Amino acid sequence: MSSVGSTTPSSRSSGSRPRRAFPPTATFRPRSLPRAPCRVERLGILPGMIRAVLFDAAGTLIETREPVGGVYARHARKHGVEISARRLGEAFARVFEAAPPLVFPGLGTEERGEQERGWWRARVHETFRAADSAQRPDDFEALFEGLWRHFSDPGEWKTRRDAAETLVRLRAQEIQTGVVSNFDGRLPGILGGLGLLSLLDTVVLPADAGAAKPDPRIFAMALERLAVRPEDSIFVGNDAQRDLAGARAAGLRAVDATALATLADLPLTTTGSTAP
C-alpha cells in the first residue's frame, strides 16, 4: 500500500503504495534480453528451472521510514487537526483496501500523472474523514501537498533488509528480476533513489498494463517484457490477494514475503544447467 504515495498501510510498517514530489511518469522498459535459466530453490517451493523472479514494491522490496499514520498525524497538526497516529493508520488501511484500482487507460503521461495525483488526493480526504469526520484541516490542499512531497522523496523510504543483495545474487545466477506494483508513476524515481532500479530488468505499473494486481494482465505484461513463461517465474509479495493469489492465478509460483525475516531467506542454489 502507500499513503499519498506509498502502498503499504502503516508504512507497511507497509505502499504505492505512492509518495513523491510530482512523479517521473516515464514508462520503464526492460534493460536487457532474456538470460539463460538457472535452478532456484525457494522456501516451500520445489526446485525448478527459474528464469525470472518478480517482486512487489512497497512492503516487499521497500517500506516507508515512518509509519503512515505517524506521518499523517504530524502533517495534520500543522493544519489544526489532532488525530492519533493509530487512528489515522487504521483509517488509511481501510480506505486503501476499499479504493478503486489506480488505473487510467488511454491517457498520456502528463494527464495520467494528474489523475494519479487526484486519486491520492481523494484517498487522503477519505482517510481523515474516516478517522474523525468532525475535524477539518484549515488548508486541506496544503496538507495534501505536504504529504505528497513527503512520500515522493526517496529519502523517506528504505529498502527492506537484504533487498539489494538478493537482487544482486539473482542476477549473478543469470536470473532476470523485475517489479510488478500497484504504485503510481513515481515508483521508478523512488527505486532509483534507493539504488534498486539498476538491479531490475523491468518495472510494471498499472499505467503500463491498464490493469492492477490481482488482475493477471499486469503479471502477463512483466512476463512478456522478459520473454519468460509463468511456470518459469516466481513472484514475491506481501499481500495475500493482490500479490499471492494474483500471481498464482497468472500461473506464477508465489512466495509470501511476510514469512521471510529478510529477503536473504530466499535461498538461491544453482543446481542445474544454465543452457537456454
Protein backbone atom coordinates (compact mmCIF):
# COMPACT_ATOMS: atom_id res chain seq x y z
CA MET A 1 0.00 0.00 0.00
CA SER A 2 1.02 3.59 0.17
CA SER A 3 -0.20 6.72 1.73
CA VAL A 4 -0.28 9.63 -0.62
CA GLY A 5 2.39 7.83 -2.25
CA SER A 6 3.10 4.58 -0.53
CA THR A 7 1.29 1.36 -0.98
CA THR A 8 1.51 -0.07 2.48
CA PRO A 9 -0.94 0.77 5.27
CA SER A 10 1.40 1.50 8.05
CA SER A 11 4.45 2.09 6.01
CA ARG A 12 3.52 -1.24 5.85
CA SER A 13 5.40 -0.96 8.69
CA SER A 14 3.89 -1.16 4.54
CA GLY A 15 2.73 1.46 -0.34
CA SER A 16 2.18 2.60 -3.72
CA ARG A 17 1.73 2.29 -2.14
CA PRO A 18 2.86 6.47 -3.94
CA ARG A 19 4.53 9.49 -2.23
CA ARG A 20 6.88 11.59 -4.12
CA ALA A 21 7.08 15.06 -5.49
CA PHE A 22 5.26 15.09 -8.78
CA PRO A 23 6.13 11.74 -10.40
CA PRO A 24 8.58 10.99 -13.12
CA THR A 25 5.92 9.06 -15.02
CA ALA A 26 8.04 7.80 -17.90
CA THR A 27 7.34 4.15 -18.63
CA PHE A 28 10.19 1.89 -17.57
CA ARG A 29 11.23 -0.67 -20.15
CA PRO A 30 13.29 -3.85 -19.91
CA ARG A 31 17.01 -3.21 -19.86
CA SER A 32 18.22 -6.43 -21.36
CA LEU A 33 17.36 -9.50 -23.32
CA PRO A 34 16.28 -12.71 -21.56
CA ARG A 35 19.02 -14.66 -19.90
CA ALA A 36 19.63 -18.37 -19.64
CA PRO A 37 17.64 -20.13 -16.92
CA CYS A 38 19.11 -21.43 -13.67
CA ARG A 39 17.62 -23.59 -10.97
CA VAL A 40 16.47 -21.73 -7.88
CA GLU A 41 15.41 -23.31 -4.60
CA ARG A 42 12.79 -21.43 -2.60
CA LEU A 43 11.06 -21.74 0.77
CA GLY A 44 8.28 -24.26 0.40
CA ILE A 45 8.77 -24.49 -3.36
CA LEU A 46 10.26 -27.42 -5.19
CA PRO A 47 13.29 -26.55 -7.32
CA GLY A 48 12.57 -25.88 -10.98
CA MET A 49 14.03 -24.08 -13.95
CA ILE A 50 13.54 -20.44 -12.92
CA ARG A 51 14.30 -17.64 -15.35
CA ALA A 52 12.75 -14.66 -13.54
CA VAL A 53 11.88 -13.51 -10.04
CA LEU A 54 9.39 -10.65 -9.76
CA PHE A 55 8.72 -8.60 -6.65
CA ASP A 56 6.06 -6.34 -5.23
CA ALA A 57 7.46 -2.93 -4.27
CA ALA A 58 6.02 -1.32 -1.12
CA GLY A 59 6.05 -3.78 1.74
CA THR A 60 8.31 -6.24 -0.05
CA LEU A 61 11.38 -4.51 -1.54
CA ILE A 62 10.87 -1.11 0.10
CA GLU A 63 8.99 0.42 3.01
CA THR A 64 8.41 3.87 4.47
CA ARG A 65 10.82 5.00 7.16
CA GLU A 66 7.98 6.22 9.35
CA PRO A 67 4.55 4.57 9.72
CA VAL A 68 1.88 6.13 7.52
CA GLY A 69 -0.31 7.04 10.47
CA GLY A 70 2.53 8.91 12.15
CA VAL A 71 3.28 10.94 9.03
CA TYR A 72 -0.39 11.84 8.56
CA ALA A 73 -0.76 12.85 12.21
CA ARG A 74 2.34 15.04 12.16
CA HIS A 75 1.32 16.88 8.99
CA ALA A 76 -2.28 17.21 10.23
CA ARG A 77 -1.16 19.02 13.40
CA LYS A 78 0.31 21.75 11.23
CA HIS A 79 -3.22 22.41 9.97
CA GLY A 80 -5.14 22.32 13.22
CA VAL A 81 -6.12 18.65 13.28
CA GLU A 82 -5.34 16.45 16.29
CA ILE A 83 -5.92 12.76 15.48
CA SER A 84 -3.75 9.95 16.80
CA ALA A 85 -1.30 8.16 14.54
CA ARG A 86 -3.01 4.87 15.37
CA ARG A 87 -6.45 6.07 14.26
CA LEU A 88 -5.08 7.59 11.08
CA GLY A 89 -3.09 4.47 10.27
CA GLU A 90 -6.12 2.26 10.73
CA ALA A 91 -8.31 4.60 8.69
CA PHE A 92 -5.78 4.71 5.88
CA ALA A 93 -5.61 0.91 5.74
CA ARG A 94 -9.40 0.68 5.43
CA VAL A 95 -9.58 3.38 2.79
CA PHE A 96 -6.75 1.91 0.75
CA GLU A 97 -8.25 -1.57 0.86
CA ALA A 98 -11.59 -0.31 -0.48
CA ALA A 99 -10.16 2.07 -3.08
CA PRO A 100 -10.68 1.58 -6.83
CA PRO A 101 -7.64 0.49 -8.89
CA LEU A 102 -5.12 3.16 -9.78
CA VAL A 103 -5.77 2.62 -13.49
CA PHE A 104 -6.40 5.34 -16.10
CA PRO A 105 -6.23 3.76 -19.57
CA GLY A 106 -5.80 5.76 -22.75
CA LEU A 107 -4.14 8.81 -21.17
CA GLY A 108 -0.86 10.48 -21.99
CA THR A 109 1.92 10.69 -19.43
CA GLU A 110 1.09 14.18 -18.15
CA GLU A 111 -2.65 13.64 -17.92
CA ARG A 112 -2.16 10.26 -16.27
CA GLY A 113 0.11 11.86 -13.68
CA GLU A 114 -2.60 14.38 -12.86
CA GLN A 115 -5.17 11.61 -12.49
CA GLU A 116 -2.88 9.63 -10.20
CA ARG A 117 -2.31 12.67 -8.03
CA GLY A 118 -6.08 13.23 -7.89
CA TRP A 119 -6.58 9.59 -6.91
CA TRP A 120 -4.28 10.08 -3.94
CA ARG A 121 -5.93 13.38 -3.01
CA ALA A 122 -9.25 11.53 -2.72
CA ARG A 123 -7.69 8.81 -0.56
CA VAL A 124 -6.19 11.38 1.83
CA HIS A 125 -9.52 13.16 2.15
CA GLU A 126 -11.29 9.84 2.82
CA THR A 127 -8.68 8.87 5.40
CA PHE A 128 -9.21 11.99 7.51
CA ARG A 129 -12.99 11.71 7.22
CA ALA A 130 -12.81 8.05 8.30
CA ALA A 131 -10.51 8.84 11.23
CA ASP A 132 -12.58 11.75 12.59
CA SER A 133 -15.27 13.36 10.45
CA ALA A 134 -15.72 16.20 12.96
CA GLN A 135 -12.24 17.65 12.37
CA ARG A 136 -11.30 19.68 9.30
CA PRO A 137 -7.83 20.94 8.37
CA ASP A 138 -7.55 24.69 7.95
CA ASP A 139 -5.99 24.17 4.50
CA PHE A 140 -6.56 20.71 3.03
CA GLU A 141 -4.66 21.47 -0.18
CA ALA A 142 -1.56 22.44 1.77
CA LEU A 143 -1.92 19.32 3.94
CA PHE A 144 -2.18 17.11 0.88
CA GLU A 145 0.76 18.82 -0.80
CA GLY A 146 2.93 18.21 2.24
CA LEU A 147 2.03 14.52 2.30
CA TRP A 148 2.56 14.17 -1.43
CA ARG A 149 6.02 15.67 -1.20
CA HIS A 150 6.91 13.57 1.83
CA PHE A 151 6.15 10.29 0.14
CA SER A 152 7.69 11.44 -3.13
CA ASP A 153 11.10 11.72 -1.52
CA PRO A 154 13.25 8.57 -1.80
CA GLY A 155 14.84 9.63 1.48
CA GLU A 156 11.56 8.92 3.26
CA TRP A 157 11.75 5.30 2.11
CA LYS A 158 14.17 2.50 2.87
CA THR A 159 14.98 -0.82 1.27
CA ARG A 160 13.95 -3.94 3.07
CA ARG A 161 16.90 -5.67 4.66
CA ASP A 162 19.00 -7.56 2.10
CA ALA A 163 16.83 -6.40 -0.83
CA ALA A 164 19.72 -5.12 -2.94
CA GLU A 165 21.91 -8.09 -2.05
CA THR A 166 19.16 -10.51 -3.06
CA LEU A 167 18.72 -8.83 -6.45
CA VAL A 168 22.48 -8.98 -6.99
CA ARG A 169 22.54 -12.70 -6.10
CA LEU A 170 19.71 -13.43 -8.52
CA ARG A 171 21.39 -11.61 -11.36
CA ALA A 172 24.66 -13.38 -10.61
CA GLN A 173 22.77 -16.61 -11.35
CA GLU A 174 21.57 -15.18 -14.67
CA ILE A 175 18.01 -14.81 -13.37
CA GLN A 176 16.04 -11.78 -14.50
CA THR A 177 14.47 -9.52 -11.90
CA GLY A 178 11.53 -7.15 -12.00
CA VAL A 179 8.84 -5.31 -10.06
CA VAL A 180 5.09 -5.60 -10.54
CA SER A 181 3.44 -2.94 -8.39
CA ASN A 182 0.15 -1.11 -7.96
CA PHE A 183 2.11 2.07 -7.26
CA ASP A 184 1.83 5.22 -9.37
CA GLY A 185 4.34 6.68 -11.83
CA ARG A 186 6.65 7.93 -9.10
CA LEU A 187 7.90 4.46 -8.25
CA PRO A 188 10.86 4.32 -10.68
CA GLY A 189 12.20 7.55 -9.18
CA ILE A 190 11.97 6.14 -5.66
CA LEU A 191 13.61 2.86 -6.65
CA GLY A 192 16.34 4.80 -8.43
CA GLY A 193 16.96 6.95 -5.37
CA LEU A 194 17.31 3.81 -3.26
CA GLY A 195 19.77 2.21 -5.68
CA LEU A 196 17.46 -0.62 -6.78
CA LEU A 197 16.39 0.46 -10.26
CA SER A 198 19.65 -0.57 -11.91
CA LEU A 199 19.22 -4.07 -10.45
CA LEU A 200 15.84 -4.59 -12.16
CA ASP A 201 15.13 -5.66 -15.73
CA THR A 202 11.62 -4.24 -15.74
CA VAL A 203 9.14 -2.28 -13.62
CA VAL A 204 5.46 -2.74 -14.49
CA LEU A 205 2.79 -0.41 -13.10
CA PRO A 206 -0.98 -0.21 -13.62
CA ALA A 207 -0.36 2.64 -16.06
CA ASP A 208 1.67 0.26 -18.24
CA ALA A 209 -0.70 -2.70 -18.19
CA GLY A 210 -4.05 -0.92 -17.98
CA ALA A 211 -4.74 -3.19 -15.00
CA ALA A 212 -3.74 -3.54 -11.36
CA LYS A 213 -3.00 -6.58 -9.23
CA PRO A 214 -4.57 -9.09 -8.78
CA ASP A 215 -5.58 -8.79 -12.46
CA PRO A 216 -3.49 -11.35 -14.41
CA ARG A 217 -2.80 -8.79 -17.15
CA ILE A 218 -0.28 -6.85 -15.11
CA PHE A 219 1.70 -10.02 -14.39
CA ALA A 220 1.43 -11.05 -18.03
CA MET A 221 2.96 -7.76 -19.17
CA ALA A 222 6.02 -8.31 -16.98
CA LEU A 223 6.45 -11.85 -18.31
CA GLU A 224 6.07 -10.61 -21.88
CA ARG A 225 8.71 -7.94 -21.39
CA LEU A 226 11.12 -10.53 -20.01
CA ALA A 227 10.12 -13.17 -22.59
CA VAL A 228 9.61 -15.84 -19.92
CA ARG A 229 6.76 -18.25 -19.17
CA PRO A 230 4.71 -18.08 -15.95
CA GLU A 231 5.85 -21.54 -14.92
CA ASP A 232 9.47 -20.39 -15.15
CA SER A 233 8.87 -17.44 -12.82
CA ILE A 234 8.37 -16.64 -9.15
CA PHE A 235 6.57 -13.69 -7.60
CA VAL A 236 7.44 -12.41 -4.11
CA GLY A 237 4.84 -10.23 -2.40
CA ASN A 238 3.22 -9.40 0.93
CA ASP A 239 -0.50 -9.10 0.11
CA ALA A 240 -2.46 -12.36 0.22
CA GLN A 241 -4.96 -11.40 -2.50
CA ARG A 242 -3.30 -8.82 -4.72
CA ASP A 243 0.14 -10.43 -4.72
CA LEU A 244 -0.02 -14.12 -3.86
CA ALA A 245 -3.44 -15.10 -5.19
CA GLY A 246 -3.00 -12.81 -8.17
CA ALA A 247 0.37 -14.30 -9.10
CA ARG A 248 -0.91 -17.86 -8.77
CA ALA A 249 -3.93 -17.05 -10.94
CA ALA A 250 -1.50 -15.77 -13.57
CA GLY A 251 0.42 -19.06 -13.43
CA LEU A 252 3.44 -17.97 -11.38
CA ARG A 253 4.70 -19.57 -8.20
CA ALA A 254 4.28 -17.23 -5.24
CA VAL A 255 6.39 -16.58 -2.13
CA ASP A 256 4.93 -14.75 0.88
CA ALA A 257 7.40 -12.01 1.83
CA THR A 258 5.87 -11.75 5.31
CA ALA A 259 7.12 -15.26 6.04
CA LEU A 260 10.73 -14.18 5.50
CA ALA A 261 12.83 -12.47 8.16
CA THR A 262 14.77 -10.86 5.32
CA LEU A 263 14.83 -11.37 1.57
CA ALA A 264 18.12 -13.22 2.05
CA ASP A 265 15.94 -16.04 3.39
CA LEU A 266 15.15 -16.86 -0.22
CA PRO A 267 17.96 -19.45 -0.54
CA LEU A 268 19.42 -19.44 -4.02
CA THR A 269 21.20 -22.57 -5.15
CA THR A 270 22.31 -23.21 -8.72
CA THR A 271 21.82 -26.90 -9.29
CA GLY A 272 21.25 -27.32 -13.00
CA SER A 273 22.43 -26.42 -16.44
CA THR A 274 22.43 -22.77 -17.45
CA ALA A 275 21.93 -23.58 -21.11
CA PRO A 276 18.87 -21.96 -22.76
